[in-house]
Protein backbone atom coordinates (compact mmCIF):
# COMPACT_ATOMS: atom_id res chain seq x y z
CA MET A 1 -15.62 -62.48 -10.77
CA GLN A 2 -17.39 -61.54 -14.01
CA GLN A 3 -19.93 -64.26 -13.32
CA GLN A 4 -20.56 -62.90 -9.83
CA ALA A 5 -21.00 -59.45 -11.23
CA ALA A 6 -23.40 -60.67 -13.86
CA GLN A 7 -25.47 -62.38 -11.22
CA ALA A 8 -25.46 -59.27 -9.15
CA GLY A 9 -26.54 -57.19 -12.13
CA THR A 10 -29.32 -59.62 -13.04
CA SER A 11 -30.69 -59.77 -9.53
CA SER A 12 -30.57 -56.01 -9.30
CA ALA A 13 -32.50 -55.62 -12.50
CA GLY A 14 -35.28 -57.85 -11.28
CA ALA A 15 -35.58 -56.42 -7.78
CA GLU A 16 -37.44 -53.27 -6.78
CA PRO A 17 -34.98 -50.42 -6.17
CA ALA A 18 -34.38 -49.16 -2.65
CA ARG A 19 -36.27 -46.08 -1.43
CA CYS A 20 -34.43 -43.02 -0.22
CA GLU A 21 -35.25 -42.34 3.41
CA PRO A 22 -35.01 -38.89 5.00
CA ASP A 23 -32.60 -40.20 7.60
CA GLY A 24 -30.31 -41.64 4.92
CA GLN A 25 -31.33 -45.32 5.27
CA GLY A 26 -32.63 -47.42 2.37
CA SER A 27 -34.91 -50.46 2.36
CA GLY A 28 -34.97 -53.00 -0.50
CA ALA A 29 -38.66 -53.58 -0.04
CA GLU A 30 -39.63 -49.97 -0.68
CA ARG A 31 -39.87 -48.11 -4.01
CA ALA A 32 -37.27 -45.46 -4.90
CA ALA A 33 -37.84 -42.25 -6.87
CA PRO A 34 -38.75 -42.99 -10.54
CA GLY A 35 -35.78 -43.47 -12.86
CA TRP A 36 -33.26 -44.10 -10.11
CA ARG A 37 -31.71 -47.35 -9.00
CA ALA A 38 -29.43 -48.25 -6.13
CA GLY A 39 -26.98 -51.09 -6.42
CA PRO A 40 -24.33 -52.28 -4.01
CA LEU A 41 -21.06 -50.39 -3.93
CA LEU A 42 -17.92 -52.46 -4.25
CA ARG A 43 -15.69 -52.28 -1.26
CA THR A 44 -12.38 -52.45 -3.11
CA ASP A 45 -13.20 -51.05 -6.55
CA THR A 46 -13.77 -47.29 -6.25
CA ARG A 47 -12.86 -46.27 -9.80
CA PRO A 48 -15.04 -43.32 -11.04
CA ALA A 49 -16.37 -45.31 -14.00
CA VAL A 50 -17.60 -48.06 -11.72
CA LEU A 51 -19.27 -45.58 -9.38
CA ILE A 52 -20.92 -43.81 -12.32
CA ALA A 53 -22.24 -47.09 -13.63
CA ARG A 54 -23.95 -47.69 -10.31
CA LEU A 55 -25.49 -44.21 -10.35
CA LEU A 56 -26.94 -44.35 -13.87
CA PRO A 57 -30.73 -44.90 -14.13
CA GLY A 58 -30.44 -47.89 -16.52
CA PRO A 59 -29.16 -51.45 -16.37
CA VAL A 60 -25.54 -51.86 -15.48
CA PRO A 61 -23.43 -52.07 -18.67
CA GLY A 62 -21.36 -55.22 -18.97
CA ALA A 63 -23.93 -57.60 -17.45
CA PRO A 64 -24.82 -60.63 -19.72
CA GLY A 65 -27.90 -60.12 -21.94
CA GLU A 66 -28.30 -56.44 -21.10
CA GLU A 67 -27.66 -53.30 -23.14
CA ALA A 68 -26.88 -49.99 -21.65
CA ALA A 69 -29.69 -47.58 -22.46
CA ARG A 70 -31.18 -44.44 -20.91
CA GLY A 71 -33.92 -42.45 -22.60
CA GLY A 72 -33.18 -43.99 -26.00
CA GLN A 73 -29.48 -43.07 -25.87
CA ARG A 74 -26.58 -45.38 -25.30
CA GLY A 75 -25.06 -45.24 -21.86
CA VAL A 76 -21.57 -45.92 -20.61
CA GLN A 77 -19.77 -48.44 -22.79
CA GLY A 78 -17.13 -50.98 -21.91
CA ILE A 79 -17.39 -50.80 -18.15
CA ALA A 80 -16.72 -54.25 -16.80
CA LEU A 81 -15.93 -55.46 -13.34
CA SER A 82 -12.77 -57.41 -13.83
CA ALA A 83 -11.19 -57.30 -10.40
CA PRO A 84 -12.27 -59.94 -7.90
CA CYS A 85 -14.34 -58.29 -5.25
CA ALA A 86 -17.44 -58.95 -3.26
CA PRO A 87 -20.53 -56.78 -2.92
CA ALA A 88 -20.62 -54.75 0.27
CA ARG A 89 -23.59 -53.23 2.05
CA HIS A 90 -23.63 -49.48 1.32
CA THR A 91 -24.18 -47.21 4.26
CA ARG A 92 -25.80 -44.36 2.34
CA PRO A 93 -28.41 -44.42 -0.44
CA LEU A 94 -27.17 -43.53 -3.91
CA CYS A 95 -29.93 -41.02 -4.55
CA PRO A 96 -30.68 -37.46 -3.48
CA SER A 97 -31.50 -37.08 0.18
CA PRO A 98 -31.76 -34.12 2.52
CA PRO A 99 -28.36 -33.03 3.91
CA ARG A 100 -27.61 -33.87 7.48
CA PRO A 101 -28.15 -31.14 10.06
CA GLY A 102 -25.06 -28.99 10.39
CA ALA A 103 -23.66 -30.16 7.02
CA ARG A 104 -23.03 -28.24 3.83
CA SER A 105 -23.93 -29.96 0.52
CA TRP A 106 -23.38 -29.27 -3.17
CA ARG A 107 -23.88 -31.06 -6.50
CA GLU A 108 -20.84 -32.00 -8.54
CA PRO A 109 -21.14 -33.34 -12.14
CA ILE A 110 -19.06 -36.36 -13.19
CA LYS A 111 -18.45 -37.20 -16.85
CA ALA A 112 -17.82 -40.73 -18.13
CA PRO A 113 -16.62 -42.16 -21.47
CA GLY A 114 -19.24 -42.07 -24.20
CA GLY A 115 -20.72 -38.73 -23.16
CA ALA A 116 -22.79 -40.03 -20.29
CA GLY A 117 -22.54 -38.62 -16.84
CA ALA A 118 -24.16 -38.11 -13.50
CA THR A 119 -24.47 -35.57 -10.74
CA VAL A 120 -23.09 -36.53 -7.36
CA LEU A 121 -24.40 -34.93 -4.19
CA GLN A 122 -21.38 -34.06 -2.07
CA GLU A 123 -21.61 -33.33 1.60
CA ARG A 124 -19.26 -32.06 4.31
CA PRO A 125 -19.92 -31.47 8.00
CA GLU A 126 -19.94 -27.86 9.15
CA GLN A 127 -16.42 -26.82 10.14
CA PRO A 128 -15.65 -24.74 13.23
CA ARG A 129 -15.19 -21.04 12.59
CA HIS A 130 -12.02 -19.40 13.76
CA LYS A 131 -12.76 -16.13 15.48
CA VAL A 132 -10.38 -13.19 15.23
CA LEU A 133 -10.65 -11.28 18.46
CA ARG A 134 -10.50 -7.53 17.94
CA PRO A 135 -11.49 -4.82 20.39
CA ARG A 136 -14.71 -3.18 19.39
CA ALA A 137 -14.28 0.33 18.04
CA GLU A 138 -16.59 1.80 20.63
CA SER A 139 -14.74 -0.10 23.36
CA MET A 140 -11.43 1.35 22.19
CA ALA A 141 -12.95 4.80 22.05
CA HIS A 142 -14.30 4.36 25.56
CA GLN A 143 -10.91 3.28 26.86
CA SER A 144 -9.08 6.08 25.10
CA CYS A 145 -11.38 8.76 26.47
CA GLN A 146 -10.79 7.45 30.01
CA TRP A 147 -7.14 8.49 30.18
CA GLY A 148 -6.11 10.10 33.40
CA TYR A 149 -3.36 10.15 36.01
CA ASP A 150 -4.11 7.01 38.03
CA SER A 151 -1.99 3.87 38.02
CA ASP A 152 -4.28 2.10 35.54
CA ASN A 153 -4.79 4.95 33.05
CA GLY A 154 -1.87 7.29 33.70
CA PRO A 155 0.95 8.53 31.48
CA GLU A 156 2.68 5.13 31.29
CA HIS A 157 -0.42 3.75 29.51
CA TRP A 158 -1.23 6.60 27.13
CA HIS A 159 0.85 5.25 24.23
CA LYS A 160 -1.41 2.16 24.03
CA TYR A 161 -4.21 4.31 22.66
CA TYR A 162 -2.16 7.25 21.38
CA PRO A 163 1.04 5.87 19.78
CA ILE A 164 2.43 9.37 19.21
CA ALA A 165 2.90 9.56 22.99
CA LYS A 166 6.08 7.55 22.30
CA GLY A 167 7.14 9.95 19.55
CA GLU A 168 10.36 11.85 18.97
CA ASN A 169 9.16 15.29 20.11
CA GLN A 170 7.24 14.71 23.31
CA SER A 171 6.73 17.09 26.23
CA PRO A 172 7.43 17.94 28.97
CA ILE A 173 11.20 17.68 29.23
CA GLU A 174 13.87 18.33 31.82
CA ILE A 175 15.94 21.40 31.07
CA ASN A 176 19.63 21.17 31.83
CA SER A 177 21.15 24.66 31.86
CA LYS A 178 24.56 23.30 30.88
CA GLU A 179 23.16 21.82 27.67
CA VAL A 180 20.96 24.76 26.66
CA GLN A 181 22.17 26.81 23.69
CA HIS A 182 21.97 30.58 24.01
CA ASP A 183 20.57 32.11 20.85
CA PRO A 184 21.08 35.89 20.78
CA SER A 185 18.94 36.14 17.65
CA LEU A 186 15.81 35.16 19.56
CA PRO A 187 13.60 38.26 19.83
CA PRO A 188 11.34 39.08 22.79
CA TRP A 189 7.75 37.89 22.76
CA PHE A 190 4.63 40.04 23.17
CA VAL A 191 0.95 39.51 23.92
CA GLY A 192 -2.15 41.57 23.27
CA TYR A 193 -5.05 40.06 25.17
CA ASP A 194 -8.62 41.39 25.07
CA PRO A 195 -10.25 40.90 28.52
CA GLY A 196 -13.62 40.63 26.76
CA ALA A 197 -12.51 37.46 24.99
CA ALA A 198 -12.72 35.42 28.20
CA LYS A 199 -15.81 33.19 28.11
CA THR A 200 -16.03 30.38 30.65
CA ILE A 201 -14.17 28.52 33.38
CA LEU A 202 -14.68 24.78 33.72
CA ASN A 203 -13.69 21.57 35.48
CA ASN A 204 -13.19 18.74 32.97
CA GLY A 205 -12.15 16.17 35.56
CA ARG A 206 -8.46 16.64 34.82
CA THR A 207 -7.76 20.35 35.27
CA CYS A 208 -9.20 23.82 35.71
CA ARG A 209 -9.50 25.56 32.33
CA VAL A 210 -10.43 29.07 31.19
CA VAL A 211 -11.72 29.31 27.61
CA PHE A 212 -11.48 32.32 25.26
CA ASP A 213 -13.16 33.43 22.07
CA ASP A 214 -10.69 32.66 19.27
CA THR A 215 -12.86 33.36 16.23
CA PHE A 216 -10.61 36.28 15.27
CA ASP A 217 -7.38 37.93 16.40
CA ARG A 218 -8.63 39.60 19.56
CA SER A 219 -6.16 37.93 21.98
CA VAL A 220 -2.82 37.15 20.39
CA LEU A 221 0.80 36.14 20.99
CA ARG A 222 3.64 37.10 18.65
CA GLY A 223 7.41 37.46 18.54
CA GLY A 224 9.95 35.21 20.18
CA PRO A 225 10.59 32.06 18.10
CA LEU A 226 7.18 32.29 16.39
CA PRO A 227 6.75 32.81 12.63
CA GLY A 228 3.66 34.98 13.02
CA THR A 229 0.67 35.80 15.20
CA PHE A 230 -1.04 33.12 17.32
CA ARG A 231 -4.53 33.31 18.88
CA LEU A 232 -5.20 32.54 22.54
CA ARG A 233 -7.62 29.63 22.92
CA GLN A 234 -7.43 28.63 26.60
CA PHE A 235 -5.22 28.35 29.65
CA HIS A 236 -5.08 25.64 32.30
CA PHE A 237 -2.99 24.42 35.23
CA HIS A 238 -1.09 21.31 36.33
CA TRP A 239 -0.22 20.80 40.00
CA GLY A 240 0.87 18.26 42.59
CA SER A 241 -0.41 16.91 45.87
CA SER A 242 2.32 18.81 47.74
CA ASP A 243 4.43 21.90 47.17
CA ASP A 244 7.58 20.01 46.17
CA HIS A 245 6.20 18.75 42.87
CA GLY A 246 3.46 19.43 40.36
CA SER A 247 5.11 21.22 37.45
CA GLU A 248 5.54 19.24 34.25
CA HIS A 249 8.82 20.75 33.09
CA ILE A 250 11.82 20.42 35.40
CA VAL A 251 14.74 22.86 35.48
CA ASP A 252 18.09 21.53 36.70
CA GLY A 253 16.29 18.99 38.88
CA VAL A 254 13.92 21.55 40.40
CA LYS A 255 10.19 20.78 40.40
CA TYR A 256 7.73 23.58 41.09
CA ALA A 257 4.35 23.28 42.81
CA ALA A 258 2.37 23.97 39.63
CA GLU A 259 2.61 25.02 35.99
CA LEU A 260 0.36 27.30 33.94
CA HIS A 261 -0.07 26.74 30.17
CA MET A 262 -1.36 29.47 27.84
CA VAL A 263 -2.42 27.70 24.63
CA HIS A 264 -2.43 29.57 21.29
CA TRP A 265 -2.89 28.38 17.69
CA ASN A 266 -1.71 29.55 14.30
CA PRO A 267 -4.57 31.24 12.37
CA LYS A 268 -2.93 30.57 9.03
CA TYR A 269 -4.75 27.24 9.37
CA SER A 270 -8.52 27.17 9.02
CA ASN A 271 -9.23 26.15 12.61
CA PHE A 272 -7.70 24.76 15.78
CA ALA A 273 -8.23 21.14 14.70
CA GLU A 274 -6.25 21.74 11.51
CA ALA A 275 -3.51 23.52 13.43
CA LEU A 276 -3.04 20.43 15.60
CA LYS A 277 -1.86 18.55 12.51
CA GLN A 278 0.95 21.01 11.73
CA ALA A 279 4.41 21.29 13.25
CA ASP A 280 3.96 25.08 13.60
CA GLY A 281 0.30 24.88 14.53
CA VAL A 282 0.38 25.70 18.26
CA ALA A 283 2.38 27.87 20.67
CA VAL A 284 2.25 27.44 24.44
CA VAL A 285 3.63 29.83 27.04
CA GLY A 286 4.53 27.93 30.21
CA VAL A 287 4.73 29.64 33.62
CA PHE A 288 5.99 28.01 36.83
CA LEU A 289 4.17 28.54 40.15
CA LYS A 290 6.06 28.30 43.42
CA VAL A 291 4.59 28.48 46.91
CA GLY A 292 5.63 31.42 49.08
CA LYS A 293 4.22 33.51 51.89
CA THR A 294 2.55 36.15 49.77
CA PRO A 295 -0.59 35.39 47.78
CA LYS A 296 -0.72 36.52 44.17
CA PRO A 297 -3.63 38.96 43.82
CA GLU A 298 -3.97 38.19 40.11
CA MET A 299 -4.95 34.59 40.98
CA LYS A 300 -7.82 35.73 43.21
CA ARG A 301 -10.36 36.05 40.39
CA ILE A 302 -9.72 32.49 39.19
CA LEU A 303 -9.77 30.95 42.66
CA GLU A 304 -13.04 32.69 43.52
CA GLU A 305 -14.72 30.64 40.81
CA ILE A 306 -13.41 27.31 42.10
CA ASP A 307 -16.47 26.76 44.29
CA ASN A 308 -18.70 27.07 41.20
CA ILE A 309 -16.82 24.34 39.32
CA LYS A 310 -15.99 22.06 42.23
CA THR A 311 -16.87 18.81 40.47
CA LYS A 312 -16.27 17.30 37.05
CA GLY A 313 -18.46 18.71 34.30
CA LYS A 314 -19.17 22.01 36.04
CA GLU A 315 -18.84 25.20 34.02
CA ALA A 316 -19.39 28.85 34.91
CA PRO A 317 -19.29 32.17 33.05
CA PHE A 318 -15.92 33.88 33.24
CA SER A 319 -15.66 37.24 31.54
CA ASN A 320 -13.57 40.40 31.61
CA PHE A 321 -10.24 38.81 32.48
CA ASP A 322 -6.82 39.69 31.07
CA PRO A 323 -4.54 36.65 31.51
CA SER A 324 -1.40 38.67 30.89
CA ILE A 325 -1.51 39.66 34.57
CA LEU A 326 -0.40 36.10 35.37
CA PHE A 327 2.99 36.53 33.68
CA PRO A 328 6.16 37.30 35.70
CA LYS A 329 8.08 40.52 35.19
CA SER A 330 10.97 38.89 33.35
CA ARG A 331 10.42 37.81 29.74
CA ASP A 332 13.45 35.49 29.60
CA TYR A 333 12.53 32.13 28.13
CA TRP A 334 13.63 28.73 26.88
CA THR A 335 12.19 27.39 23.66
CA TYR A 336 12.04 24.01 21.95
CA HIS A 337 9.74 21.97 19.70
CA GLY A 338 7.47 19.59 21.57
CA SER A 339 3.98 18.29 22.14
CA PHE A 340 0.89 18.60 24.25
CA THR A 341 1.42 17.02 27.66
CA THR A 342 -2.00 15.36 27.56
CA PRO A 343 -3.45 12.87 25.04
CA PRO A 344 -3.42 12.69 22.13
CA CYS A 345 0.01 14.35 22.70
CA GLU A 346 0.22 15.92 19.24
CA GLU A 347 3.72 17.09 18.33
CA CYS A 348 2.72 20.53 17.08
CA ILE A 349 3.91 22.92 19.78
CA THR A 350 6.52 25.64 19.91
CA TRP A 351 7.18 25.97 23.62
CA ILE A 352 8.02 29.30 25.27
CA LEU A 353 8.91 28.36 28.83
CA LEU A 354 9.43 31.35 31.12
CA ARG A 355 12.49 31.34 33.32
CA GLU A 356 11.01 33.26 36.28
CA PRO A 357 8.23 31.62 38.32
CA ILE A 358 5.29 33.45 39.88
CA GLU A 359 4.56 33.11 43.60
CA VAL A 360 1.30 31.92 45.15
CA SER A 361 0.33 31.31 48.77
CA PRO A 362 -0.29 27.91 50.41
CA ASP A 363 -3.99 28.77 50.66
CA GLN A 364 -4.15 29.48 46.95
CA MET A 365 -2.57 26.13 46.14
CA ALA A 366 -4.95 24.42 48.55
CA LYS A 367 -7.86 25.97 46.66
CA LEU A 368 -6.72 24.37 43.41
CA ARG A 369 -6.34 21.02 45.16
CA SER A 370 -9.90 21.25 46.47
CA LEU A 371 -11.27 20.55 42.99
CA SER A 372 -12.67 17.04 42.43
CA ILE A 373 -11.99 14.73 39.50
CA ASN A 374 -15.40 13.11 39.99
CA ALA A 375 -18.88 14.30 39.10
CA GLU A 376 -21.29 15.74 41.64
CA THR A 377 -23.14 12.42 42.01
CA GLU A 378 -19.91 10.50 42.72
CA PRO A 379 -17.70 10.38 45.81
CA ALA A 380 -15.36 13.36 45.93
CA ARG A 381 -11.75 12.73 44.90
CA PRO A 382 -9.21 15.56 45.08
CA MET A 383 -7.76 16.71 41.79
CA VAL A 384 -4.01 16.43 42.40
CA ASP A 385 -0.91 15.18 40.57
CA ASN A 386 -2.33 15.93 37.13
CA TRP A 387 1.12 16.17 35.57
CA ARG A 388 3.08 14.10 33.06
CA PRO A 389 6.68 13.08 33.83
CA PRO A 390 9.52 14.43 31.66
CA GLN A 391 9.99 12.74 28.29
CA PRO A 392 13.28 11.90 26.53
CA LEU A 393 14.85 14.81 24.68
CA LYS A 394 15.93 12.53 21.79
CA GLY A 395 18.46 14.91 20.29
CA ARG A 396 16.35 18.04 20.36
CA VAL A 397 18.02 21.36 21.03
CA VAL A 398 16.74 23.68 23.75
CA LYS A 399 17.52 27.33 23.12
CA ALA A 400 17.56 30.24 25.56
CA SER A 401 16.93 33.91 24.97
CA PHE A 402 19.30 34.75 27.85
CA GLN A 403 22.77 33.83 29.09
């Protein structure tokens, strides 16, 4: 074997080295880059020292009559081919060549005994990238702002975008008179509303809303279970497609045709947005509407504006209105800690739910139902059934100011 190797080394020394081709093929008849040589790789002997010897730019150490030398320095010493093996045709040139398309390459130094060494060009094909599929932020925002009351975006889906909708203090609830605790220490509640604070009435595609100026304490709620004074921000309605349902809260199995919510916030916080983050941040007075024969004159002013806000996005001036005229005569109430009944369903509300409903006529209810959830340029769709079903009580206590 040593004789075969010596012959191989001698023939290699006398032949012109192979040339490195761009496509990775070498030809023995063409000249390689100066100072480089290419010899045959051994099929069975892949020891690093042997490979290094083939990469070095001088004669192969261990061949008869040759000394290892490179640039006046001694090369690798004592490398001999002692195992019987036959030369094999190498499939790639042993010199730098451009990496293959789609491959990543890097240079890796290899050290050998005696201080000599070489740099090996390593190469690996491009590996497939594993994609992590995540919804785009703007896509999530788009979906979340499209909540509504249809089968594909209604209350049963809200928790997907607003996890708190599955929280421990959600509203509305069903009130069971037998389980309510009478609390004689609950004081009466009072309001002081400035008619001049009313600003606009609007259709947001989900309800009819009246907005008030809440920059200072000009329209306030106090007393009852509240720790202080709360400012009126807006009121809105929820109603059904027929007179036998539409309210969000249910009392002893009874559903009313509609429910009015007067929304107030605690001014001890800097603004409404900050109040939403606090357990005592908001107070809502809820009023049931039932359908009877007699229209409620106090609703006339609101219903007159319906034609001006018929479609989604419409808004009209609405001034000089005192919303306290919408309350029933009785001030008896239930109270509990809950949430908004619309997304994001923040759990920041002290509810004051009035026991006595107010009465409206069928025509007045029909006027509310004539609103459209679509914009003016879209096909009209009646705004009905904009209510959330009752949520689990989950151990909360409902108190009553009456027996």
